[in-house]
C-alpha atoms as a PDB file:
ATOM      1  CA  GLY A   1    -148.290-134.750 111.155  1.00  0.00           C
ATOM      2  CA  VAL A   2    -146.586-132.742 113.869  1.00  0.00           C
ATOM      3  CA  GLY A   3    -148.438-129.771 115.337  1.00  0.00           C
ATOM      4  CA  GLY A   4    -148.616-127.829 118.571  1.00  0.00           C
ATOM      5  CA  ARG A   5    -149.950-130.852 120.444  1.00  0.00           C
ATOM      6  CA  GLU A   6    -147.020-133.086 119.517  1.00  0.00           C
ATOM      7  CA  VAL A   7    -144.435-130.363 120.141  1.00  0.00           C
ATOM      8  CA  GLY A   8    -146.102-129.791 123.511  1.00  0.00           C
ATOM      9  CA  TYR A   9    -145.537-133.460 124.352  1.00  0.00           C
ATOM     10  CA  LEU A  10    -141.850-133.110 123.474  1.00  0.00           C
ATOM     11  CA  ALA A  11    -141.410-129.849 125.373  1.00  0.00           C
ATOM     12  CA  GLY A  12    -143.208-131.255 128.421  1.00  0.00           C
ATOM     13  CA  TYR A  13    -141.079-134.368 128.524  1.00  0.00           C
ATOM     14  CA  MET A  14    -137.868-132.388 128.138  1.00  0.00           C
ATOM     15  CA  LYS A  15    -138.985-130.204 131.040  1.00  0.00           C
ATOM     16  CA  LYS A  16    -139.624-133.343 133.070  1.00  0.00           C
ATOM     17  CA  LEU A  17    -136.171-134.759 132.303  1.00  0.00           C
ATOM     18  CA  SER A  18    -134.187-131.560 132.784  1.00  0.00           C
ATOM     19  CA  ASN A  19    -136.342-129.797 135.403  1.00  0.00           C
ATOM     20  CA  GLN A  20    -136.038-126.645 133.281  1.00  0.00           C
ATOM     21  CA  ALA A  21    -138.759-124.815 131.389  1.00  0.00           C
ATOM     22  CA  ALA A  22    -136.447-123.468 128.676  1.00  0.00           C
ATOM     23  CA  CYS A  23    -136.234-125.597 125.539  1.00  0.00           C
ATOM     24  CA  VAL A  24    -135.469-125.261 121.841  1.00  0.00           C
ATOM     25  CA  PHE A  25    -138.640-126.662 120.288  1.00  0.00           C
ATOM     26  CA  THR A  26    -140.427-124.519 117.721  1.00  0.00           C
ATOM     27  CA  GLY A  27    -144.153-124.668 117.097  1.00  0.00           C
ATOM     28  CA  ARG A  28    -145.162-124.850 120.751  1.00  0.00           C
ATOM     29  CA  GLY A  29    -148.652-123.907 121.892  1.00  0.00           C
ATOM     30  CA  LEU A  30    -149.252-120.587 123.619  1.00  0.00           C
ATOM     31  CA  SER A  31    -149.331-122.238 127.051  1.00  0.00           C
ATOM     32  CA  PHE A  32    -145.777-123.488 126.439  1.00  0.00           C
ATOM     33  CA  GLY A  33    -144.451-120.090 125.388  1.00  0.00           C
ATOM     34  CA  GLY A  34    -145.334-120.361 121.707  1.00  0.00           C
ATOM     35  CA  SER A  35    -145.976-117.457 119.367  1.00  0.00           C
ATOM     36  CA  LEU A  36    -149.341-116.126 118.276  1.00  0.00           C
ATOM     37  CA  ILE A  37    -150.097-116.911 114.594  1.00  0.00           C
ATOM     38  CA  ARG A  38    -147.382-119.613 114.631  1.00  0.00           C
ATOM     39  CA  PRO A  39    -149.752-122.216 113.108  1.00  0.00           C
ATOM     40  CA  GLU A  40    -150.260-120.027 110.047  1.00  0.00           C
ATOM     41  CA  ALA A  41    -146.704-118.730 109.768  1.00  0.00           C
ATOM     42  CA  THR A  42    -144.997-121.318 107.560  1.00  0.00           C
ATOM     43  CA  GLY A  43    -147.817-121.675 105.043  1.00  0.00           C
ATOM     44  CA  TYR A  44    -148.547-117.964 104.899  1.00  0.00           C
ATOM     45  CA  GLY A  45    -144.846-117.146 104.674  1.00  0.00           C
ATOM     46  CA  LEU A  46    -144.405-119.606 101.819  1.00  0.00           C
ATOM     47  CA  VAL A  47    -147.113-117.935  99.769  1.00  0.00           C
ATOM     48  CA  TYR A  48    -145.864-114.440 100.600  1.00  0.00           C
ATOM     49  CA  PHE A  49    -142.383-115.497  99.460  1.00  0.00           C
ATOM     50  CA  ALA A  50    -143.786-116.912  96.225  1.00  0.00           C
ATOM     51  CA  GLN A  51    -145.831-113.735  95.774  1.00  0.00           C
ATOM     52  CA  ALA A  52    -142.628-111.675  95.969  1.00  0.00           C
ATOM     53  CA  MET A  53    -141.016-113.955  93.390  1.00  0.00           C
ATOM     54  CA  LEU A  54    -143.952-113.477  91.037  1.00  0.00           C
ATOM     55  CA  ALA A  55    -143.875-109.716  91.573  1.00  0.00           C
ATOM     56  CA  GLU A  56    -140.318-109.657  90.199  1.00  0.00           C
ATOM     57  CA  LYS A  57    -141.847-110.840  86.913  1.00  0.00           C
ATOM     58  CA  GLY A  58    -144.781-108.456  87.127  1.00  0.00           C
ATOM     59  CA  GLN A  59    -147.184-111.263  88.052  1.00  0.00           C
ATOM     60  CA  SER A  60    -149.314-112.311  91.020  1.00  0.00           C
ATOM     61  CA  PHE A  61    -151.268-115.279  92.368  1.00  0.00           C
ATOM     62  CA  ALA A  62    -154.504-113.915  90.927  1.00  0.00           C
ATOM     63  CA  GLY A  63    -155.850-116.302  88.312  1.00  0.00           C
ATOM     64  CA  LYS A  64    -153.029-118.817  88.730  1.00  0.00           C
ATOM     65  CA  THR A  65    -153.656-122.548  89.167  1.00  0.00           C
ATOM     66  CA  VAL A  66    -151.764-123.987  92.125  1.00  0.00           C
ATOM     67  CA  SER A  67    -150.863-127.511  93.185  1.00  0.00           C
ATOM     68  CA  VAL A  68    -150.160-128.096  96.887  1.00  0.00           C
ATOM     69  CA  SER A  69    -148.891-131.376  98.303  1.00  0.00           C
ATOM     70  CA  GLY A  70    -149.577-132.390 101.864  1.00  0.00           C
ATOM     71  CA  SER A  71    -152.614-131.660 103.998  1.00  0.00           C
ATOM     72  CA  GLY A  72    -151.081-130.754 107.342  1.00  0.00           C
ATOM     73  CA  ASN A  73    -150.325-127.423 108.932  1.00  0.00           C
ATOM     74  CA  VAL A  74    -148.126-125.951 106.189  1.00  0.00           C
ATOM     75  CA  ALA A  75    -150.330-127.128 103.334  1.00  0.00           C
ATOM     76  CA  GLN A  76    -153.549-125.941 104.987  1.00  0.00           C
ATOM     77  CA  TYR A  77    -152.398-122.385 105.492  1.00  0.00           C
ATOM     78  CA  ALA A  78    -150.616-122.219 102.148  1.00  0.00           C
ATOM     79  CA  ILE A  79    -153.941-123.137 100.549  1.00  0.00           C
ATOM     80  CA  GLU A  80    -155.771-120.548 102.642  1.00  0.00           C
ATOM     81  CA  LYS A  81    -153.414-117.703 101.741  1.00  0.00           C
ATOM     82  CA  ALA A  82    -153.271-118.664  98.052  1.00  0.00           C
ATOM     83  CA  LEU A  83    -157.077-118.546  97.940  1.00  0.00           C
ATOM     84  CA  GLN A  84    -157.058-115.126  99.594  1.00  0.00           C
ATOM     85  CA  LEU A  85    -154.688-113.899  96.878  1.00  0.00           C
ATOM     86  CA  GLY A  86    -156.997-115.064  94.102  1.00  0.00           C
ATOM     87  CA  ALA A  87    -155.425-118.369  93.079  1.00  0.00           C
ATOM     88  CA  LYS A  88    -157.218-121.619  92.287  1.00  0.00           C
ATOM     89  CA  VAL A  89    -155.756-124.460  94.368  1.00  0.00           C
ATOM     90  CA  VAL A  90    -156.560-127.825  92.812  1.00  0.00           C
ATOM     91  CA  THR A  91    -154.729-130.459  94.879  1.00  0.00           C
ATOM     92  CA  CYS A  92    -153.844-131.699  98.337  1.00  0.00           C
ATOM     93  CA  SER A  93    -152.371-135.013  99.408  1.00  0.00           C
ATOM     94  CA  ASP A  94    -151.154-137.313 102.144  1.00  0.00           C
ATOM     95  CA  SER A  95    -148.992-140.423 102.197  1.00  0.00           C
ATOM     96  CA  SER A  96    -151.777-142.510 100.657  1.00  0.00           C
ATOM     97  CA  GLY A  97    -152.390-140.429  97.513  1.00  0.00           C
ATOM     98  CA  TYR A  98    -153.702-137.095  96.282  1.00  0.00           C
ATOM     99  CA  VAL A  99    -156.987-135.332  95.628  1.00  0.00           C
ATOM    100  CA  TYR A 100    -157.638-133.394  92.421  1.00  0.00           C
ATOM    101  CA  ASP A 101    -160.351-130.738  92.469  1.00  0.00           C
ATOM    102  CA  GLU A 102    -160.781-129.221  89.019  1.00  0.00           C
ATOM    103  CA  ALA A 103    -163.035-126.451  90.356  1.00  0.00           C
ATOM    104  CA  GLY A 104    -160.561-125.610  93.102  1.00  0.00           C
ATOM    105  CA  PHE A 105    -160.709-125.288  96.864  1.00  0.00           C
ATOM    106  CA  THR A 106    -163.302-123.076  98.516  1.00  0.00           C
ATOM    107  CA  THR A 107    -163.316-121.834 102.099  1.00  0.00           C
ATOM    108  CA  GLU A 108    -165.948-124.486 102.869  1.00  0.00           C
ATOM    109  CA  LYS A 109    -163.806-127.285 101.456  1.00  0.00           C
ATOM    110  CA  LEU A 110    -160.706-126.041 103.254  1.00  0.00           C
ATOM    111  CA  ALA A 111    -162.603-125.917 106.558  1.00  0.00           C
ATOM    112  CA  ALA A 112    -163.682-129.522 105.989  1.00  0.00           C
ATOM    113  CA  LEU A 113    -160.104-130.589 105.239  1.00  0.00           C
ATOM    114  CA  MET A 114    -158.860-128.857 108.387  1.00  0.00           C
ATOM    115  CA  GLU A 115    -161.495-130.576 110.505  1.00  0.00           C
ATOM    116  CA  LEU A 116    -160.687-133.951 108.955  1.00  0.00           C
ATOM    117  CA  LYS A 117    -156.951-133.624 109.486  1.00  0.00           C
ATOM    118  CA  ASN A 118    -156.718-131.641 112.717  1.00  0.00           C
ATOM    119  CA  GLU A 119    -159.582-133.174 114.687  1.00  0.00           C
ATOM    120  CA  LYS A 120    -160.588-136.489 113.116  1.00  0.00           C
ATOM    121  CA  ARG A 121    -157.073-137.424 111.976  1.00  0.00           C
ATOM    122  CA  GLY A 122    -158.536-138.823 108.766  1.00  0.00           C
ATOM    123  CA  ARG A 123    -157.168-139.395 105.270  1.00  0.00           C
ATOM    124  CA  VAL A 124    -157.601-137.223 102.180  1.00  0.00           C
ATOM    125  CA  GLU A 125    -159.481-140.055 100.488  1.00  0.00           C
ATOM    126  CA  GLU A 126    -162.324-139.356 102.932  1.00  0.00           C
ATOM    127  CA  TYR A 127    -162.225-135.671 101.957  1.00  0.00           C
ATOM    128  CA  ALA A 128    -162.441-136.638  98.281  1.00  0.00           C
ATOM    129  CA  LYS A 129    -165.496-138.809  98.938  1.00  0.00           C
ATOM    130  CA  GLN A 130    -167.178-136.047 100.954  1.00  0.00           C
ATOM    131  CA  PHE A 131    -167.088-133.638  98.021  1.00  0.00           C
ATOM    132  CA  GLY A 132    -167.157-136.099  95.111  1.00  0.00           C
ATOM    133  CA  LEU A 133    -163.603-135.297  94.011  1.00  0.00           C
ATOM    134  CA  LYS A 134    -161.031-137.340  92.114  1.00  0.00           C
ATOM    135  CA  TYR A 135    -158.718-139.345  94.352  1.00  0.00           C
ATOM    136  CA  VAL A 136    -155.524-140.873  92.961  1.00  0.00           C
ATOM    137  CA  ALA A 137    -154.027-143.508  95.252  1.00  0.00           C
ATOM    138  CA  GLY A 138    -150.293-143.978  95.629  1.00  0.00           C
ATOM    139  CA  LYS A 139    -149.234-140.924  93.638  1.00  0.00           C
ATOM    140  CA  THR A 140    -148.127-137.335  94.184  1.00  0.00           C
ATOM    141  CA  PRO A 141    -149.942-134.367  92.621  1.00  0.00           C
ATOM    142  CA  TRP A 142    -147.111-133.286  90.313  1.00  0.00           C
ATOM    143  CA  GLU A 143    -148.707-134.876  87.250  1.00  0.00           C
ATOM    144  CA  VAL A 144    -151.424-132.185  87.311  1.00  0.00           C
ATOM    145  CA  LYS A 145    -150.987-129.215  84.948  1.00  0.00           C
ATOM    146  CA  VAL A 146    -150.541-126.065  87.071  1.00  0.00           C
ATOM    147  CA  ASP A 147    -148.850-122.670  87.047  1.00  0.00           C
ATOM    148  CA  ILE A 148    -147.425-122.924  90.571  1.00  0.00           C
ATOM    149  CA  ALA A 149    -146.306-125.957  92.596  1.00  0.00           C
ATOM    150  CA  LEU A 150    -145.934-125.772  96.377  1.00  0.00           C
ATOM    151  CA  PRO A 151    -144.504-129.003  97.839  1.00  0.00           C
ATOM    152  CA  CYS A 152    -145.553-128.995 101.504  1.00  0.00           C
ATOM    153  CA  ALA A 153    -145.490-132.675 102.451  1.00  0.00           C
ATOM    154  CA  THR A 154    -142.119-134.332 103.023  1.00  0.00           C
ATOM    155  CA  GLN A 155    -138.499-134.510 101.937  1.00  0.00           C
ATOM    156  CA  ASN A 156    -137.603-135.752  98.444  1.00  0.00           C
ATOM    157  CA  GLU A 157    -141.242-135.920  97.380  1.00  0.00           C
ATOM    158  CA  LEU A 158    -140.582-134.067  94.114  1.00  0.00           C
ATOM    159  CA  ASN A 159    -138.061-136.029  92.044  1.00  0.00           C
ATOM    160  CA  LEU A 160    -136.595-135.532  88.574  1.00  0.00           C
ATOM    161  CA  ALA A 161    -139.398-137.383  86.793  1.00  0.00           C
ATOM    162  CA  SER A 162    -142.018-135.245  88.535  1.00  0.00           C
ATOM    163  CA  ALA A 163    -140.020-132.094  87.797  1.00  0.00           C
ATOM    164  CA  ASN A 164    -139.866-132.961  84.108  1.00  0.00           C
ATOM    165  CA  THR A 165    -143.628-133.510  84.087  1.00  0.00           C
ATOM    166  CA  LEU A 166    -144.254-130.136  85.721  1.00  0.00           C
ATOM    167  CA  ILE A 167    -141.883-128.429  83.278  1.00  0.00           C
ATOM    168  CA  ALA A 168    -143.546-130.102  80.292  1.00  0.00           C
ATOM    169  CA  ASN A 169    -146.901-128.899  81.618  1.00  0.00           C
ATOM    170  CA  GLY A 170    -145.670-125.301  81.794  1.00  0.00           C
ATOM    171  CA  VAL A 171    -145.112-124.738  85.517  1.00  0.00           C
ATOM    172  CA  GLN A 172    -143.857-121.207  86.179  1.00  0.00           C
ATOM    173  CA  LEU A 173    -142.865-121.322  89.848  1.00  0.00           C
ATOM    174  CA  VAL A 174    -141.948-123.907  92.473  1.00  0.00           C
ATOM    175  CA  ALA A 175    -141.499-122.903  96.130  1.00  0.00           C
ATOM    176  CA  GLU A 176    -140.727-125.317  98.954  1.00  0.00           C
ATOM    177  CA  GLY A 177    -143.011-125.395 101.980  1.00  0.00           C
ATOM    178  CA  ALA A 178    -141.614-128.634 103.378  1.00  0.00           C
ATOM    179  CA  ASN A 179    -137.965-129.169 104.310  1.00  0.00           C
ATOM    180  CA  MET A 180    -135.981-130.362 101.272  1.00  0.00           C
ATOM    181  CA  PRO A 181    -139.002-131.681  99.345  1.00  0.00           C
ATOM    182  CA  THR A 182    -137.267-131.277  95.974  1.00  0.00           C
ATOM    183  CA  THR A 183    -134.355-133.535  95.054  1.00  0.00           C
ATOM    184  CA  ILE A 184    -131.115-131.975  93.809  1.00  0.00           C
ATOM    185  CA  GLU A 185    -131.733-133.374  90.323  1.00  0.00           C
ATOM    186  CA  ALA A 186    -135.229-131.887  90.240  1.00  0.00           C
ATOM    187  CA  THR A 187    -133.954-128.528  91.479  1.00  0.00           C
ATOM    188  CA  ASP A 188    -131.335-128.446  88.725  1.00  0.00           C
ATOM    189  CA  ALA A 189    -133.992-129.294  86.144  1.00  0.00           C
ATOM    190  CA  PHE A 190    -136.170-126.378  87.261  1.00  0.00           C
ATOM    191  CA  LEU A 191    -133.257-123.953  87.174  1.00  0.00           C
ATOM    192  CA  ASP A 192    -132.124-125.167  83.746  1.00  0.00           C
ATOM    193  CA  ALA A 193    -135.670-124.718  82.436  1.00  0.00           C
ATOM    194  CA  GLY A 194    -135.917-121.165  83.769  1.00  0.00           C
ATOM    195  CA  VAL A 195    -138.602-122.024  86.323  1.00  0.00           C
ATOM    196  CA  LEU A 196    -138.701-119.677  89.325  1.00  0.00           C
ATOM    197  CA  PHE A 197    -137.511-121.731  92.308  1.00  0.00           C
ATOM    198  CA  GLY A 198    -137.823-120.820  95.995  1.00  0.00           C
ATOM    199  CA  PRO A 199    -135.672-123.083  98.215  1.00  0.00           C
ATOM    200  CA  GLY A 200    -137.087-124.043 101.581  1.00  0.00           C
ATOM    201  CA  LYS A 201    -134.284-122.388 103.555  1.00  0.00           C
ATOM    202  CA  ALA A 202    -135.857-119.098 102.488  1.00  0.00           C
ATOM    203  CA  ALA A 203    -139.384-119.936 101.338  1.00  0.00           C
ATOM    204  CA  ASN A 204    -140.531-121.732 104.496  1.00  0.00           C
ATOM    205  CA  ALA A 205    -138.550-119.678 107.016  1.00  0.00           C
ATOM    206  CA  GLY A 206    -141.654-117.815 108.184  1.00  0.00           C
ATOM    207  CA  GLY A 207    -142.408-120.513 110.743  1.00  0.00           C
ATOM    208  CA  VAL A 208    -139.001-120.453 112.395  1.00  0.00           C
ATOM    209  CA  ALA A 209    -138.871-116.648 112.296  1.00  0.00           C
ATOM    210  CA  THR A 210    -142.263-116.376 113.994  1.00  0.00           C
ATOM    211  CA  SER A 211    -141.244-118.942 116.618  1.00  0.00           C
ATOM    212  CA  GLY A 212    -138.549-116.527 117.729  1.00  0.00           C
ATOM    213  CA  LEU A 213    -141.033-113.769 118.553  1.00  0.00           C
END
């Protein structure tokens, strides 16, 4: 994944090439002029946006079962904020497959995932083995029955077939943490089924907004 370290490499090299400190990269570390709480901003903002959507229906995250894809920056902090709001988060993933945790994430498990991904650069399969969880290789988590789906991994990860599975399983809300993770066909299916849908241009804008501070 791409975090402050990688953006720092890009910003540093651009400075070297142009001999100017000003650049247009978002997500920089504090030493490169980044914003405080930027690491949390996209994931937190996603959940806050979804919370506002739920509030329009007189609902909240409390007691809801949530599926999150990805295990990088956005996914980690989306999981953290969803837990703080009383949800049960049951999945995470990477390009190799997904982990299903029927009991749901805890702060201890999330800390272990963050260490694995941010420091050890490991795979979610290792996280599954650490806690004795179900690991499904080569698949995305959208086959799991949940109330809320938060795609936070990559573009076009949630296709029409996955959307139909989520709809059949009674999903109530889908909000995009990644950039364009839901295909057009899947988006149309959610809208036709009356599922609350938060497009990434709005739902994940917290990161870009915070970068401008």
